[in-house]
Amino acid sequence: MADSGPAFEFTMRWEDPDLKGDVHPDPTDTDPNAVERWGLNSHWFPNLVAQGYFTSMSKEDSFRIAQHVYEANYFGRILGWQIQDQSIATKIADLAYNEGCEEATKITQRAVNSLQTGLTIALAVDGQFGKGTLTAVNLAQPADLLAAIKGYAEDFYRSWAIRENKPDSELQSLLRRVSA
């Protein structure tokens, strides 16, 4: 079964490659003053603002909290500890951290449906990571599923970049992350 530790480390290499734990501006559509630390945005995690996560908390404490948030809100929600292959759990959890669990699950469900997994009925692409999705993920050949997840994630990011009129540099960065 997969472990959250290696998955968290993978995500942190993208969110904070130097592992400094610095706070950076990360504005959202509704909060131009939002900041982020370890990839967690103050707009989406106001409870962390109240704890001093973005202002006074030590690097070590903030890292531990980021790992807890990752496990509770991302790895756990995609049933990561029950996924048999570490590379699959890591990729899905990283997508969840970056795009949210629902979108990461939809990408995974599309990927599973594109493979021959022995299921008689295709998964509903509903963004809910339940027993059916878990079973399908664990039945799939890991290398094939990982390639399919990466392909559907690339499609998602390309469409997103066009829809949101994002610069090519931002898209290319996301595509590098997906391919890793």
N, C-alpha and C. Protein backbone atom coordinates (compact mmCIF):
# COMPACT_ATOMS: atom_id res chain seq x y z
N MET A 1 0.83 -1.19 0.00
CA MET A 1 0.00 0.00 0.00
C MET A 1 0.88 1.25 0.00
N ALA A 2 0.32 2.30 -0.53
CA ALA A 2 1.08 3.56 -0.67
C ALA A 2 1.23 4.25 0.69
N ASP A 3 2.22 5.10 0.75
CA ASP A 3 2.54 5.85 1.96
C ASP A 3 2.46 7.34 1.63
N SER A 4 1.96 8.12 2.56
CA SER A 4 1.82 9.56 2.32
C SER A 4 3.16 10.29 2.32
N GLY A 5 4.16 9.76 3.02
CA GLY A 5 5.45 10.44 3.13
C GLY A 5 6.11 10.72 1.78
N PRO A 6 6.36 9.69 0.97
CA PRO A 6 6.98 9.94 -0.34
C PRO A 6 6.11 10.82 -1.25
N ALA A 7 4.80 10.68 -1.14
CA ALA A 7 3.90 11.51 -1.95
C ALA A 7 4.01 12.97 -1.53
N PHE A 8 4.04 13.23 -0.24
CA PHE A 8 4.19 14.60 0.26
C PHE A 8 5.53 15.19 -0.18
N GLU A 9 6.59 14.41 -0.07
CA GLU A 9 7.91 14.89 -0.48
C GLU A 9 7.92 15.26 -1.96
N PHE A 10 7.28 14.44 -2.80
CA PHE A 10 7.20 14.74 -4.23
C PHE A 10 6.50 16.08 -4.45
N THR A 11 5.37 16.27 -3.80
CA THR A 11 4.61 17.51 -3.97
C THR A 11 5.41 18.71 -3.47
N MET A 12 6.09 18.56 -2.36
CA MET A 12 6.86 19.69 -1.83
C MET A 12 8.02 20.07 -2.75
N ARG A 13 8.56 19.13 -3.50
CA ARG A 13 9.63 19.46 -4.46
C ARG A 13 9.12 20.41 -5.54
N TRP A 14 7.82 20.38 -5.79
CA TRP A 14 7.22 21.30 -6.76
C TRP A 14 6.73 22.58 -6.10
N GLU A 15 6.20 22.47 -4.91
CA GLU A 15 5.64 23.63 -4.23
C GLU A 15 6.72 24.54 -3.63
N ASP A 16 7.79 23.95 -3.14
CA ASP A 16 8.87 24.72 -2.50
C ASP A 16 10.17 23.94 -2.71
N PRO A 17 10.74 24.02 -3.94
CA PRO A 17 11.88 23.17 -4.30
C PRO A 17 13.07 23.26 -3.36
N ASP A 18 13.29 24.43 -2.77
CA ASP A 18 14.43 24.60 -1.86
C ASP A 18 14.07 24.28 -0.41
N LEU A 19 12.80 23.94 -0.18
CA LEU A 19 12.31 23.62 1.16
C LEU A 19 12.64 24.71 2.18
N LYS A 20 12.43 25.96 1.78
CA LYS A 20 12.70 27.09 2.66
C LYS A 20 11.51 27.45 3.54
N GLY A 21 10.31 27.16 3.06
CA GLY A 21 9.13 27.51 3.85
C GLY A 21 8.81 28.98 3.86
N ASP A 22 9.32 29.70 2.86
CA ASP A 22 9.04 31.14 2.78
C ASP A 22 7.59 31.39 2.39
N VAL A 23 7.10 32.56 2.75
CA VAL A 23 5.75 33.00 2.40
C VAL A 23 5.86 33.86 1.15
N HIS A 24 4.98 33.58 0.17
CA HIS A 24 5.00 34.29 -1.11
C HIS A 24 3.60 34.78 -1.45
N PRO A 25 3.50 35.88 -2.20
CA PRO A 25 2.18 36.31 -2.69
C PRO A 25 1.59 35.23 -3.59
N ASP A 26 0.31 34.98 -3.44
CA ASP A 26 -0.40 33.99 -4.26
C ASP A 26 -1.85 34.43 -4.39
N PRO A 27 -2.07 35.55 -5.11
CA PRO A 27 -3.43 36.11 -5.18
C PRO A 27 -4.41 35.16 -5.86
N THR A 28 -5.65 35.23 -5.42
CA THR A 28 -6.74 34.48 -6.04
C THR A 28 -7.67 35.49 -6.70
N ASP A 29 -8.64 34.97 -7.44
CA ASP A 29 -9.62 35.86 -8.10
C ASP A 29 -10.37 36.71 -7.09
N THR A 30 -10.59 36.18 -5.91
CA THR A 30 -11.39 36.89 -4.91
C THR A 30 -10.56 37.48 -3.77
N ASP A 31 -9.26 37.17 -3.72
CA ASP A 31 -8.40 37.67 -2.65
C ASP A 31 -7.04 38.07 -3.21
N PRO A 32 -6.90 39.33 -3.64
CA PRO A 32 -5.64 39.76 -4.23
C PRO A 32 -4.48 39.81 -3.23
N ASN A 33 -4.77 39.73 -1.94
CA ASN A 33 -3.74 39.78 -0.90
C ASN A 33 -3.35 38.41 -0.37
N ALA A 34 -3.86 37.35 -0.98
CA ALA A 34 -3.57 36.00 -0.49
C ALA A 34 -2.07 35.69 -0.62
N VAL A 35 -1.60 34.86 0.32
CA VAL A 35 -0.21 34.40 0.32
C VAL A 35 -0.21 32.88 0.42
N GLU A 36 0.96 32.30 0.14
CA GLU A 36 1.08 30.84 0.26
C GLU A 36 2.38 30.47 0.95
N ARG A 37 2.33 29.31 1.58
CA ARG A 37 3.50 28.71 2.21
C ARG A 37 3.36 27.21 2.06
N TRP A 38 4.41 26.55 1.60
CA TRP A 38 4.36 25.12 1.34
C TRP A 38 3.20 24.76 0.42
N GLY A 39 2.80 25.70 -0.45
CA GLY A 39 1.72 25.45 -1.40
C GLY A 39 0.33 25.65 -0.85
N LEU A 40 0.19 26.01 0.40
CA LEU A 40 -1.12 26.25 1.00
C LEU A 40 -1.43 27.74 0.94
N ASN A 41 -2.59 28.08 0.41
CA ASN A 41 -2.99 29.46 0.17
C ASN A 41 -3.83 29.97 1.34
N SER A 42 -3.54 31.19 1.78
CA SER A 42 -4.26 31.78 2.91
C SER A 42 -5.75 31.96 2.63
N HIS A 43 -6.11 32.16 1.38
CA HIS A 43 -7.53 32.31 1.03
C HIS A 43 -8.30 31.01 1.28
N TRP A 44 -7.70 29.89 0.89
CA TRP A 44 -8.39 28.59 1.00
C TRP A 44 -8.25 27.97 2.38
N PHE A 45 -7.30 28.46 3.16
CA PHE A 45 -7.07 27.91 4.51
C PHE A 45 -7.04 29.04 5.54
N PRO A 46 -8.17 29.73 5.75
CA PRO A 46 -8.19 30.84 6.71
C PRO A 46 -7.89 30.39 8.14
N ASN A 47 -8.15 29.15 8.46
CA ASN A 47 -7.83 28.65 9.80
C ASN A 47 -6.32 28.69 10.05
N LEU A 48 -5.53 28.55 9.00
CA LEU A 48 -4.08 28.63 9.17
C LEU A 48 -3.62 30.06 9.42
N VAL A 49 -4.35 31.02 8.86
CA VAL A 49 -4.05 32.44 9.11
C VAL A 49 -4.17 32.70 10.61
N ALA A 50 -5.25 32.23 11.20
CA ALA A 50 -5.50 32.44 12.63
C ALA A 50 -4.43 31.79 13.50
N GLN A 51 -3.80 30.73 13.01
CA GLN A 51 -2.76 30.03 13.77
C GLN A 51 -1.37 30.66 13.61
N GLY A 52 -1.26 31.68 12.77
CA GLY A 52 0.03 32.30 12.53
C GLY A 52 0.89 31.55 11.53
N TYR A 53 0.30 30.63 10.81
CA TYR A 53 1.03 29.81 9.84
C TYR A 53 1.79 30.65 8.83
N PHE A 54 1.20 31.75 8.38
CA PHE A 54 1.80 32.58 7.34
C PHE A 54 2.64 33.74 7.89
N THR A 55 2.65 33.91 9.20
CA THR A 55 3.34 35.07 9.75
C THR A 55 4.41 34.71 10.78
N SER A 56 4.03 34.03 11.83
CA SER A 56 4.96 33.86 12.95
C SER A 56 5.40 32.42 13.21
N MET A 57 4.83 31.47 12.51
CA MET A 57 5.14 30.06 12.78
C MET A 57 6.52 29.69 12.22
N SER A 58 7.23 28.86 12.96
CA SER A 58 8.56 28.42 12.51
C SER A 58 8.44 27.57 11.25
N LYS A 59 9.54 27.48 10.54
CA LYS A 59 9.61 26.66 9.33
C LYS A 59 9.25 25.20 9.65
N GLU A 60 9.80 24.68 10.72
CA GLU A 60 9.58 23.27 11.08
C GLU A 60 8.12 23.01 11.43
N ASP A 61 7.53 23.90 12.24
CA ASP A 61 6.13 23.73 12.61
C ASP A 61 5.21 23.88 11.41
N SER A 62 5.51 24.86 10.56
CA SER A 62 4.66 25.05 9.38
C SER A 62 4.76 23.87 8.43
N PHE A 63 5.93 23.27 8.33
CA PHE A 63 6.10 22.09 7.48
C PHE A 63 5.27 20.92 8.01
N ARG A 64 5.30 20.72 9.33
CA ARG A 64 4.51 19.64 9.93
C ARG A 64 3.01 19.87 9.69
N ILE A 65 2.58 21.11 9.81
CA ILE A 65 1.17 21.42 9.57
C ILE A 65 0.83 21.18 8.10
N ALA A 66 1.72 21.60 7.19
CA ALA A 66 1.48 21.37 5.76
C ALA A 66 1.34 19.88 5.48
N GLN A 67 2.17 19.07 6.12
CA GLN A 67 2.08 17.62 5.92
C GLN A 67 0.75 17.08 6.46
N HIS A 68 0.33 17.58 7.60
CA HIS A 68 -0.95 17.14 8.16
C HIS A 68 -2.11 17.54 7.23
N VAL A 69 -2.09 18.78 6.74
CA VAL A 69 -3.14 19.25 5.82
C VAL A 69 -3.13 18.39 4.57
N TYR A 70 -1.95 18.08 4.05
CA TYR A 70 -1.81 17.24 2.86
C TYR A 70 -2.45 15.87 3.09
N GLU A 71 -2.13 15.27 4.21
CA GLU A 71 -2.67 13.93 4.50
C GLU A 71 -4.18 13.97 4.71
N ALA A 72 -4.66 14.93 5.47
CA ALA A 72 -6.09 14.99 5.81
C ALA A 72 -6.96 15.44 4.64
N ASN A 73 -6.50 16.43 3.89
CA ASN A 73 -7.34 17.04 2.87
C ASN A 73 -7.10 16.52 1.46
N TYR A 74 -6.00 15.82 1.24
CA TYR A 74 -5.69 15.37 -0.12
C TYR A 74 -5.41 13.87 -0.16
N PHE A 75 -4.35 13.42 0.47
CA PHE A 75 -3.99 12.00 0.42
C PHE A 75 -5.11 11.12 0.98
N GLY A 76 -5.65 11.51 2.10
CA GLY A 76 -6.73 10.73 2.70
C GLY A 76 -8.00 10.73 1.87
N ARG A 77 -8.33 11.87 1.27
CA ARG A 77 -9.56 11.97 0.48
C ARG A 77 -9.49 11.17 -0.81
N ILE A 78 -8.28 10.90 -1.32
CA ILE A 78 -8.17 10.04 -2.50
C ILE A 78 -7.87 8.59 -2.09
N LEU A 79 -8.09 8.30 -0.82
CA LEU A 79 -7.87 6.95 -0.27
C LEU A 79 -6.45 6.46 -0.54
N GLY A 80 -5.52 7.38 -0.45
CA GLY A 80 -4.13 7.10 -0.81
C GLY A 80 -3.51 5.91 -0.11
N TRP A 81 -3.83 5.72 1.16
CA TRP A 81 -3.24 4.60 1.90
C TRP A 81 -3.75 3.25 1.42
N GLN A 82 -4.84 3.26 0.66
CA GLN A 82 -5.40 2.01 0.14
C GLN A 82 -5.02 1.75 -1.32
N ILE A 83 -4.34 2.70 -1.94
CA ILE A 83 -3.87 2.50 -3.32
C ILE A 83 -2.63 1.63 -3.27
N GLN A 84 -2.60 0.61 -4.09
CA GLN A 84 -1.51 -0.37 -4.02
C GLN A 84 -0.19 0.15 -4.56
N ASP A 85 -0.21 1.00 -5.56
CA ASP A 85 1.02 1.45 -6.20
C ASP A 85 1.39 2.86 -5.73
N GLN A 86 2.61 3.01 -5.24
CA GLN A 86 3.05 4.31 -4.72
C GLN A 86 3.06 5.39 -5.80
N SER A 87 3.51 5.07 -7.00
CA SER A 87 3.59 6.10 -8.05
C SER A 87 2.21 6.62 -8.43
N ILE A 88 1.21 5.75 -8.40
CA ILE A 88 -0.17 6.16 -8.71
C ILE A 88 -0.70 7.06 -7.60
N ALA A 89 -0.53 6.64 -6.36
CA ALA A 89 -0.99 7.45 -5.23
C ALA A 89 -0.31 8.80 -5.21
N THR A 90 0.98 8.82 -5.48
CA THR A 90 1.74 10.07 -5.49
C THR A 90 1.21 11.01 -6.57
N LYS A 91 0.98 10.50 -7.77
CA LYS A 91 0.53 11.35 -8.88
C LYS A 91 -0.87 11.89 -8.60
N ILE A 92 -1.79 11.04 -8.15
CA ILE A 92 -3.15 11.50 -7.88
C ILE A 92 -3.15 12.53 -6.75
N ALA A 93 -2.39 12.26 -5.69
CA ALA A 93 -2.35 13.20 -4.57
C ALA A 93 -1.72 14.53 -4.98
N ASP A 94 -0.70 14.50 -5.83
CA ASP A 94 -0.10 15.75 -6.28
C ASP A 94 -1.09 16.55 -7.12
N LEU A 95 -1.83 15.87 -7.98
CA LEU A 95 -2.88 16.56 -8.75
C LEU A 95 -3.93 17.13 -7.81
N ALA A 96 -4.29 16.39 -6.79
CA ALA A 96 -5.29 16.86 -5.83
C ALA A 96 -4.80 18.11 -5.10
N TYR A 97 -3.54 18.11 -4.70
CA TYR A 97 -2.97 19.26 -4.00
C TYR A 97 -2.97 20.49 -4.89
N ASN A 98 -2.74 20.27 -6.17
CA ASN A 98 -2.63 21.39 -7.10
C ASN A 98 -3.98 21.83 -7.68
N GLU A 99 -4.88 20.89 -7.92
CA GLU A 99 -6.16 21.20 -8.58
C GLU A 99 -7.39 20.88 -7.74
N GLY A 100 -7.21 20.24 -6.63
CA GLY A 100 -8.33 19.84 -5.80
C GLY A 100 -8.66 18.37 -6.02
N CYS A 101 -9.23 17.77 -5.00
CA CYS A 101 -9.53 16.33 -5.04
C CYS A 101 -10.54 15.97 -6.11
N GLU A 102 -11.54 16.80 -6.29
CA GLU A 102 -12.58 16.48 -7.27
C GLU A 102 -11.99 16.41 -8.68
N GLU A 103 -11.22 17.40 -9.06
CA GLU A 103 -10.64 17.40 -10.42
C GLU A 103 -9.64 16.27 -10.57
N ALA A 104 -8.79 16.03 -9.58
CA ALA A 104 -7.83 14.93 -9.64
C ALA A 104 -8.55 13.59 -9.78
N THR A 105 -9.66 13.45 -9.08
CA THR A 105 -10.43 12.21 -9.18
C THR A 105 -11.06 12.06 -10.55
N LYS A 106 -11.60 13.14 -11.11
CA LYS A 106 -12.17 13.07 -12.46
C LYS A 106 -11.10 12.66 -13.48
N ILE A 107 -9.91 13.24 -13.35
CA ILE A 107 -8.81 12.87 -14.25
C ILE A 107 -8.52 11.38 -14.11
N THR A 108 -8.46 10.90 -12.87
CA THR A 108 -8.19 9.49 -12.61
C THR A 108 -9.31 8.61 -13.15
N GLN A 109 -10.55 9.00 -12.96
CA GLN A 109 -11.68 8.21 -13.45
C GLN A 109 -11.66 8.14 -14.98
N ARG A 110 -11.35 9.24 -15.64
CA ARG A 110 -11.24 9.21 -17.11
C ARG A 110 -10.11 8.28 -17.54
N ALA A 111 -9.00 8.35 -16.83
CA ALA A 111 -7.85 7.50 -17.15
C ALA A 111 -8.20 6.02 -16.99
N VAL A 112 -8.84 5.68 -15.88
CA VAL A 112 -9.24 4.29 -15.65
C VAL A 112 -10.19 3.82 -16.74
N ASN A 113 -11.16 4.66 -17.08
CA ASN A 113 -12.14 4.29 -18.11
C ASN A 113 -11.49 4.08 -19.47
N SER A 114 -10.35 4.71 -19.71
CA SER A 114 -9.68 4.55 -21.00
C SER A 114 -8.91 3.24 -21.10
N LEU A 115 -8.74 2.55 -19.99
CA LEU A 115 -7.97 1.30 -19.95
C LEU A 115 -8.91 0.10 -19.86
N GLN A 116 -8.39 -1.03 -20.18
CA GLN A 116 -9.13 -2.28 -19.98
C GLN A 116 -8.77 -2.80 -18.59
N THR A 117 -9.65 -2.54 -17.61
CA THR A 117 -9.34 -2.92 -16.23
C THR A 117 -10.14 -4.12 -15.75
N GLY A 118 -10.93 -4.70 -16.62
CA GLY A 118 -11.74 -5.83 -16.19
C GLY A 118 -13.07 -5.42 -15.61
N LEU A 119 -13.36 -4.13 -15.57
CA LEU A 119 -14.65 -3.67 -15.07
C LEU A 119 -15.70 -3.85 -16.16
N THR A 120 -16.88 -4.24 -15.76
CA THR A 120 -17.94 -4.41 -16.75
C THR A 120 -18.68 -3.11 -17.02
N ILE A 121 -18.59 -2.18 -16.08
CA ILE A 121 -19.26 -0.89 -16.23
C ILE A 121 -18.21 0.20 -16.02
N ALA A 122 -18.21 1.19 -16.89
CA ALA A 122 -17.28 2.30 -16.73
C ALA A 122 -17.60 3.08 -15.46
N LEU A 123 -16.56 3.66 -14.88
CA LEU A 123 -16.77 4.51 -13.71
C LEU A 123 -17.52 5.78 -14.10
N ALA A 124 -18.37 6.24 -13.25
CA ALA A 124 -18.96 7.56 -13.43
C ALA A 124 -17.86 8.58 -13.17
N VAL A 125 -17.75 9.56 -14.03
CA VAL A 125 -16.76 10.61 -13.84
C VAL A 125 -17.43 11.70 -13.01
N ASP A 126 -17.45 11.45 -11.70
CA ASP A 126 -18.19 12.32 -10.78
C ASP A 126 -17.31 13.04 -9.77
N GLY A 127 -16.01 12.77 -9.80
CA GLY A 127 -15.11 13.44 -8.87
C GLY A 127 -15.14 12.90 -7.45
N GLN A 128 -15.84 11.79 -7.24
CA GLN A 128 -15.92 11.18 -5.91
C GLN A 128 -15.02 9.94 -5.87
N PHE A 129 -13.99 9.97 -5.04
CA PHE A 129 -13.05 8.86 -4.97
C PHE A 129 -13.58 7.86 -3.94
N GLY A 130 -14.38 6.92 -4.43
CA GLY A 130 -14.97 5.91 -3.56
C GLY A 130 -14.40 4.53 -3.83
N LYS A 131 -15.11 3.53 -3.33
CA LYS A 131 -14.64 2.15 -3.46
C LYS A 131 -14.52 1.70 -4.91
N GLY A 132 -15.46 2.13 -5.75
CA GLY A 132 -15.39 1.74 -7.16
C GLY A 132 -14.15 2.29 -7.84
N THR A 133 -13.86 3.55 -7.59
CA THR A 133 -12.66 4.16 -8.18
C THR A 133 -11.42 3.50 -7.62
N LEU A 134 -11.40 3.27 -6.31
CA LEU A 134 -10.24 2.62 -5.69
C LEU A 134 -10.02 1.23 -6.29
N THR A 135 -11.07 0.45 -6.42
CA THR A 135 -10.94 -0.88 -6.99
C THR A 135 -10.40 -0.83 -8.41
N ALA A 136 -10.94 0.08 -9.21
CA ALA A 136 -10.49 0.21 -10.60
C ALA A 136 -9.02 0.63 -10.67
N VAL A 137 -8.63 1.56 -9.81
CA VAL A 137 -7.23 2.01 -9.77
C VAL A 137 -6.32 0.84 -9.43
N ASN A 138 -6.71 0.04 -8.45
CA ASN A 138 -5.87 -1.08 -8.02
C ASN A 138 -5.88 -2.24 -9.00
N LEU A 139 -6.90 -2.35 -9.85
CA LEU A 139 -6.93 -3.39 -10.88
C LEU A 139 -6.09 -3.05 -12.11
N ALA A 140 -5.90 -1.79 -12.34
CA ALA A 140 -5.17 -1.34 -13.53
C ALA A 140 -3.68 -1.64 -13.42
N GLN A 141 -3.07 -1.82 -14.58
CA GLN A 141 -1.61 -1.95 -14.62
C GLN A 141 -1.02 -0.58 -14.29
N PRO A 142 -0.18 -0.48 -13.27
CA PRO A 142 0.30 0.83 -12.82
C PRO A 142 0.94 1.69 -13.92
N ALA A 143 1.80 1.10 -14.74
CA ALA A 143 2.47 1.91 -15.78
C ALA A 143 1.46 2.46 -16.77
N ASP A 144 0.48 1.64 -17.15
CA ASP A 144 -0.54 2.10 -18.09
C ASP A 144 -1.41 3.18 -17.47
N LEU A 145 -1.80 2.97 -16.22
CA LEU A 145 -2.65 3.95 -15.55
C LEU A 145 -1.91 5.26 -15.34
N LEU A 146 -0.65 5.18 -14.93
CA LEU A 146 0.13 6.40 -14.72
C LEU A 146 0.23 7.20 -16.02
N ALA A 147 0.50 6.53 -17.11
CA ALA A 147 0.58 7.22 -18.41
C ALA A 147 -0.76 7.85 -18.77
N ALA A 148 -1.85 7.14 -18.52
CA ALA A 148 -3.18 7.67 -18.84
C ALA A 148 -3.52 8.87 -17.94
N ILE A 149 -3.20 8.78 -16.66
CA ILE A 149 -3.45 9.91 -15.75
C ILE A 149 -2.68 11.13 -16.24
N LYS A 150 -1.41 10.94 -16.57
CA LYS A 150 -0.60 12.05 -17.05
C LYS A 150 -1.20 12.66 -18.32
N GLY A 151 -1.67 11.81 -19.23
CA GLY A 151 -2.28 12.30 -20.47
C GLY A 151 -3.54 13.12 -20.22
N TYR A 152 -4.41 12.63 -19.36
CA TYR A 152 -5.64 13.37 -19.05
C TYR A 152 -5.34 14.64 -18.25
N ALA A 153 -4.31 14.60 -17.41
CA ALA A 153 -3.93 15.81 -16.68
C ALA A 153 -3.37 16.86 -17.64
N GLU A 154 -2.57 16.42 -18.61
CA GLU A 154 -2.08 17.36 -19.62
C GLU A 154 -3.24 17.99 -20.38
N ASP A 155 -4.21 17.18 -20.78
CA ASP A 155 -5.40 17.71 -21.47
C ASP A 155 -6.12 18.75 -20.60
N PHE A 156 -6.26 18.43 -19.32
CA PHE A 156 -6.92 19.35 -18.40
C PHE A 156 -6.18 20.69 -18.35
N TYR A 157 -4.86 20.64 -18.17
CA TYR A 157 -4.10 21.88 -18.05
C TYR A 157 -4.08 22.68 -19.35
N ARG A 158 -4.02 22.00 -20.48
CA ARG A 158 -4.05 22.72 -21.77
C ARG A 158 -5.39 23.46 -21.92
N SER A 159 -6.48 22.79 -21.61
CA SER A 159 -7.80 23.42 -21.70
C SER A 159 -7.92 24.57 -20.71
N TRP A 160 -7.43 24.36 -19.51
CA TRP A 160 -7.47 25.39 -18.47
C TRP A 160 -6.68 26.62 -18.91
N ALA A 161 -5.50 26.41 -19.46
CA ALA A 161 -4.65 27.53 -19.88
C ALA A 161 -5.32 28.36 -20.97
N ILE A 162 -6.00 27.70 -21.89
CA ILE A 162 -6.73 28.42 -22.95
C ILE A 162 -7.91 29.17 -22.35
N ARG A 163 -8.69 28.46 -21.54
CA ARG A 163 -9.90 29.04 -20.94
C ARG A 163 -9.57 30.25 -20.06
N GLU A 164 -8.49 30.16 -19.30
CA GLU A 164 -8.10 31.22 -18.36
C GLU A 164 -7.08 32.20 -18.95
N ASN A 165 -6.73 32.00 -20.22
CA ASN A 165 -5.77 32.87 -20.91
C ASN A 165 -4.46 32.98 -20.13
N LYS A 166 -3.92 31.83 -19.73
CA LYS A 166 -2.69 31.78 -18.95
C LYS A 166 -1.47 31.85 -19.88
N PRO A 167 -0.39 32.41 -19.40
CA PRO A 167 0.82 32.47 -20.23
C PRO A 167 1.39 31.08 -20.48
N ASP A 168 2.06 30.92 -21.61
CA ASP A 168 2.63 29.62 -21.97
C ASP A 168 3.63 29.14 -20.92
N SER A 169 4.34 30.06 -20.29
CA SER A 169 5.32 29.66 -19.27
C SER A 169 4.65 28.95 -18.10
N GLU A 170 3.48 29.41 -17.72
CA GLU A 170 2.75 28.76 -16.62
C GLU A 170 2.27 27.37 -17.04
N LEU A 171 1.76 27.27 -18.26
CA LEU A 171 1.33 25.97 -18.77
C LEU A 171 2.51 25.01 -18.82
N GLN A 172 3.63 25.45 -19.34
CA GLN A 172 4.79 24.57 -19.47
C GLN A 172 5.27 24.08 -18.11
N SER A 173 5.21 24.93 -17.10
CA SER A 173 5.59 24.52 -15.76
C SER A 173 4.67 23.42 -15.24
N LEU A 174 3.38 23.58 -15.48
CA LEU A 174 2.41 22.56 -15.05
C LEU A 174 2.59 21.26 -15.82
N LEU A 175 2.90 21.36 -17.10
CA LEU A 175 3.11 20.14 -17.90
C LEU A 175 4.37 19.41 -17.45
N ARG A 176 5.41 20.14 -17.03
CA ARG A 176 6.61 19.48 -16.49
C ARG A 176 6.27 18.75 -15.20
N ARG A 177 5.46 19.37 -14.38
CA ARG A 177 5.05 18.75 -13.12
C ARG A 177 4.24 17.48 -13.39
N VAL A 178 3.34 17.54 -14.35
CA VAL A 178 2.52 16.37 -14.68
C VAL A 178 3.39 15.24 -15.20
N SER A 179 4.38 15.56 -16.01
CA SER A 179 5.19 14.50 -16.63
C SER A 179 6.18 13.86 -15.67
N ALA A 180 6.43 14.50 -14.53
CA ALA A 180 7.40 13.97 -13.56
C ALA A 180 6.86 12.75 -12.85
